[in-house]
Amino acid sequence: MAEISLQAQPVLRSLYRLQWEEAQQAWVLLYPEGMVRLNGPAAEILRRCNGTTRFSALVEDLERAFSAPGLRDDVSDFLTEATNRGWIEFTE
């Protein structure tokens, strides 16, 4: 995948559902064949993938929420991997 446009709006694909799983004490990504247990950063990124939030705003929100500037490359890398796994897609 090419570099993610700042205007791109990531969204979970319809096959997947993100939810808090009490038994796992973690956010999970559910799909018909199973479940992926997410680590904290992955969950925070995917929770913001709503199809209306632009990539640039998503990064700014994470940087503000965690007082951690310079997250753009890490978020881009994760979203690229999530796209490769078929979890998300982008709208513009």
C-alpha atoms as a PDB file:
ATOM      1  CA  MET A   1       0.000   0.000   0.000  1.00  0.00           C
ATOM      2  CA  ALA A   2       1.202   3.510  -0.781  1.00  0.00           C
ATOM      3  CA  GLU A   3       1.614   6.165   1.890  1.00  0.00           C
ATOM      4  CA  ILE A   4      -1.651   6.930   3.653  1.00  0.00           C
ATOM      5  CA  SER A   5      -3.166  10.239   2.595  1.00  0.00           C
ATOM      6  CA  LEU A   6      -3.768  12.728   5.405  1.00  0.00           C
ATOM      7  CA  GLN A   7      -7.353  12.982   4.124  1.00  0.00           C
ATOM      8  CA  ALA A   8      -7.976   9.210   4.146  1.00  0.00           C
ATOM      9  CA  GLN A   9     -10.692   8.025   6.509  1.00  0.00           C
ATOM     10  CA  PRO A  10     -10.067   4.533   7.887  1.00  0.00           C
ATOM     11  CA  VAL A  11     -13.055   2.356   8.761  1.00  0.00           C
ATOM     12  CA  LEU A  12     -13.450  -1.221   9.976  1.00  0.00           C
ATOM     13  CA  ARG A  13     -14.605  -3.511   7.211  1.00  0.00           C
ATOM     14  CA  SER A  14     -18.146  -4.777   7.701  1.00  0.00           C
ATOM     15  CA  LEU A  15     -16.939  -8.301   8.446  1.00  0.00           C
ATOM     16  CA  TYR A  16     -15.315  -7.111  11.713  1.00  0.00           C
ATOM     17  CA  ARG A  17     -16.621  -5.789  15.009  1.00  0.00           C
ATOM     18  CA  LEU A  18     -14.523  -4.125  17.695  1.00  0.00           C
ATOM     19  CA  GLN A  19     -15.661  -4.655  21.275  1.00  0.00           C
ATOM     20  CA  TRP A  20     -14.460  -4.840  24.850  1.00  0.00           C
ATOM     21  CA  GLU A  21     -14.343  -8.473  25.968  1.00  0.00           C
ATOM     22  CA  GLU A  22     -14.709  -8.702  29.730  1.00  0.00           C
ATOM     23  CA  ALA A  23     -13.455 -12.296  29.874  1.00  0.00           C
ATOM     24  CA  GLN A  24     -10.260 -11.274  28.045  1.00  0.00           C
ATOM     25  CA  GLN A  25      -9.986  -7.928  29.850  1.00  0.00           C
ATOM     26  CA  ALA A  26      -9.081  -6.517  26.458  1.00  0.00           C
ATOM     27  CA  TRP A  27     -10.447  -5.042  23.259  1.00  0.00           C
ATOM     28  CA  VAL A  28     -10.974  -7.689  20.607  1.00  0.00           C
ATOM     29  CA  LEU A  29     -11.711  -7.700  16.914  1.00  0.00           C
ATOM     30  CA  LEU A  30     -14.453 -10.226  16.218  1.00  0.00           C
ATOM     31  CA  TYR A  31     -15.067 -11.853  12.853  1.00  0.00           C
ATOM     32  CA  PRO A  32     -17.008 -14.941  11.741  1.00  0.00           C
ATOM     33  CA  GLU A  33     -14.040 -17.319  11.992  1.00  0.00           C
ATOM     34  CA  GLY A  34     -12.735 -16.077  15.316  1.00  0.00           C
ATOM     35  CA  MET A  35     -11.300 -13.252  17.355  1.00  0.00           C
ATOM     36  CA  VAL A  36      -8.129 -11.185  17.535  1.00  0.00           C
ATOM     37  CA  ARG A  37      -7.094  -9.941  20.988  1.00  0.00           C
ATOM     38  CA  LEU A  38      -5.677  -6.449  20.552  1.00  0.00           C
ATOM     39  CA  ASN A  39      -2.938  -4.759  22.516  1.00  0.00           C
ATOM     40  CA  GLY A  40      -3.628  -1.302  23.930  1.00  0.00           C
ATOM     41  CA  PRO A  41      -2.198   0.800  21.089  1.00  0.00           C
ATOM     42  CA  ALA A  42      -3.908  -1.273  18.389  1.00  0.00           C
ATOM     43  CA  ALA A  43      -7.252  -0.929  20.163  1.00  0.00           C
ATOM     44  CA  GLU A  44      -6.837   2.841  20.584  1.00  0.00           C
ATOM     45  CA  ILE A  45      -6.134   3.236  16.883  1.00  0.00           C
ATOM     46  CA  LEU A  46      -8.965   0.972  15.700  1.00  0.00           C
ATOM     47  CA  ARG A  47     -11.456   2.640  18.066  1.00  0.00           C
ATOM     48  CA  ARG A  48     -10.905   5.813  16.061  1.00  0.00           C
ATOM     49  CA  CYS A  49     -11.408   4.161  12.654  1.00  0.00           C
ATOM     50  CA  ASN A  50     -15.018   5.232  12.145  1.00  0.00           C
ATOM     51  CA  GLY A  51     -15.017   6.196   8.478  1.00  0.00           C
ATOM     52  CA  THR A  52     -15.479   9.894   9.228  1.00  0.00           C
ATOM     53  CA  THR A  53     -12.244  10.752  11.040  1.00  0.00           C
ATOM     54  CA  ARG A  54      -9.399  11.670   8.734  1.00  0.00           C
ATOM     55  CA  PHE A  55      -6.002  10.063   9.228  1.00  0.00           C
ATOM     56  CA  SER A  56      -4.477  13.422  10.185  1.00  0.00           C
ATOM     57  CA  ALA A  57      -7.123  14.014  12.878  1.00  0.00           C
ATOM     58  CA  LEU A  58      -6.781  10.447  14.156  1.00  0.00           C
ATOM     59  CA  VAL A  59      -3.033  10.948  14.663  1.00  0.00           C
ATOM     60  CA  GLU A  60      -3.550  14.344  16.318  1.00  0.00           C
ATOM     61  CA  ASP A  61      -6.146  12.851  18.675  1.00  0.00           C
ATOM     62  CA  LEU A  62      -3.812  10.025  19.706  1.00  0.00           C
ATOM     63  CA  GLU A  63      -0.893  12.410  20.219  1.00  0.00           C
ATOM     64  CA  ARG A  64      -3.061  14.647  22.394  1.00  0.00           C
ATOM     65  CA  ALA A  65      -4.675  11.784  24.347  1.00  0.00           C
ATOM     66  CA  PHE A  66      -1.349  10.193  25.218  1.00  0.00           C
ATOM     67  CA  SER A  67       0.869  13.301  25.297  1.00  0.00           C
ATOM     68  CA  ALA A  68       3.076  11.601  22.728  1.00  0.00           C
ATOM     69  CA  PRO A  69       4.095  13.689  19.721  1.00  0.00           C
ATOM     70  CA  GLY A  70       5.445  12.062  16.583  1.00  0.00           C
ATOM     71  CA  LEU A  71       3.050   9.091  16.298  1.00  0.00           C
ATOM     72  CA  ARG A  72       2.275   9.518  12.605  1.00  0.00           C
ATOM     73  CA  ASP A  73       4.708   6.876  11.304  1.00  0.00           C
ATOM     74  CA  ASP A  74       3.704   4.315  13.944  1.00  0.00           C
ATOM     75  CA  VAL A  75      -0.005   4.833  13.281  1.00  0.00           C
ATOM     76  CA  SER A  76       0.587   4.662   9.541  1.00  0.00           C
ATOM     77  CA  ASP A  77       2.539   1.405   9.931  1.00  0.00           C
ATOM     78  CA  PHE A  78      -0.245  -0.132  12.023  1.00  0.00           C
ATOM     79  CA  LEU A  79      -2.992   0.965   9.629  1.00  0.00           C
ATOM     80  CA  THR A  80      -1.019  -0.415   6.699  1.00  0.00           C
ATOM     81  CA  GLU A  81      -0.751  -3.761   8.497  1.00  0.00           C
ATOM     82  CA  ALA A  82      -4.461  -3.654   9.416  1.00  0.00           C
ATOM     83  CA  THR A  83      -5.259  -3.021   5.749  1.00  0.00           C
ATOM     84  CA  ASN A  84      -3.055  -5.919   4.673  1.00  0.00           C
ATOM     85  CA  ARG A  85      -4.910  -8.173   7.126  1.00  0.00           C
ATOM     86  CA  GLY A  86      -8.230  -6.987   5.710  1.00  0.00           C
ATOM     87  CA  TRP A  87      -9.434  -5.393   8.954  1.00  0.00           C
ATOM     88  CA  ILE A  88      -9.906  -1.864   7.610  1.00  0.00           C
ATOM     89  CA  GLU A  89     -10.391   0.054   4.405  1.00  0.00           C
ATOM     90  CA  PHE A  90     -10.154   3.735   3.541  1.00  0.00           C
ATOM     91  CA  THR A  91     -12.583   6.287   2.197  1.00  0.00           C
ATOM     92  CA  GLU A  92     -11.701   9.806   1.038  1.00  0.00           C
END
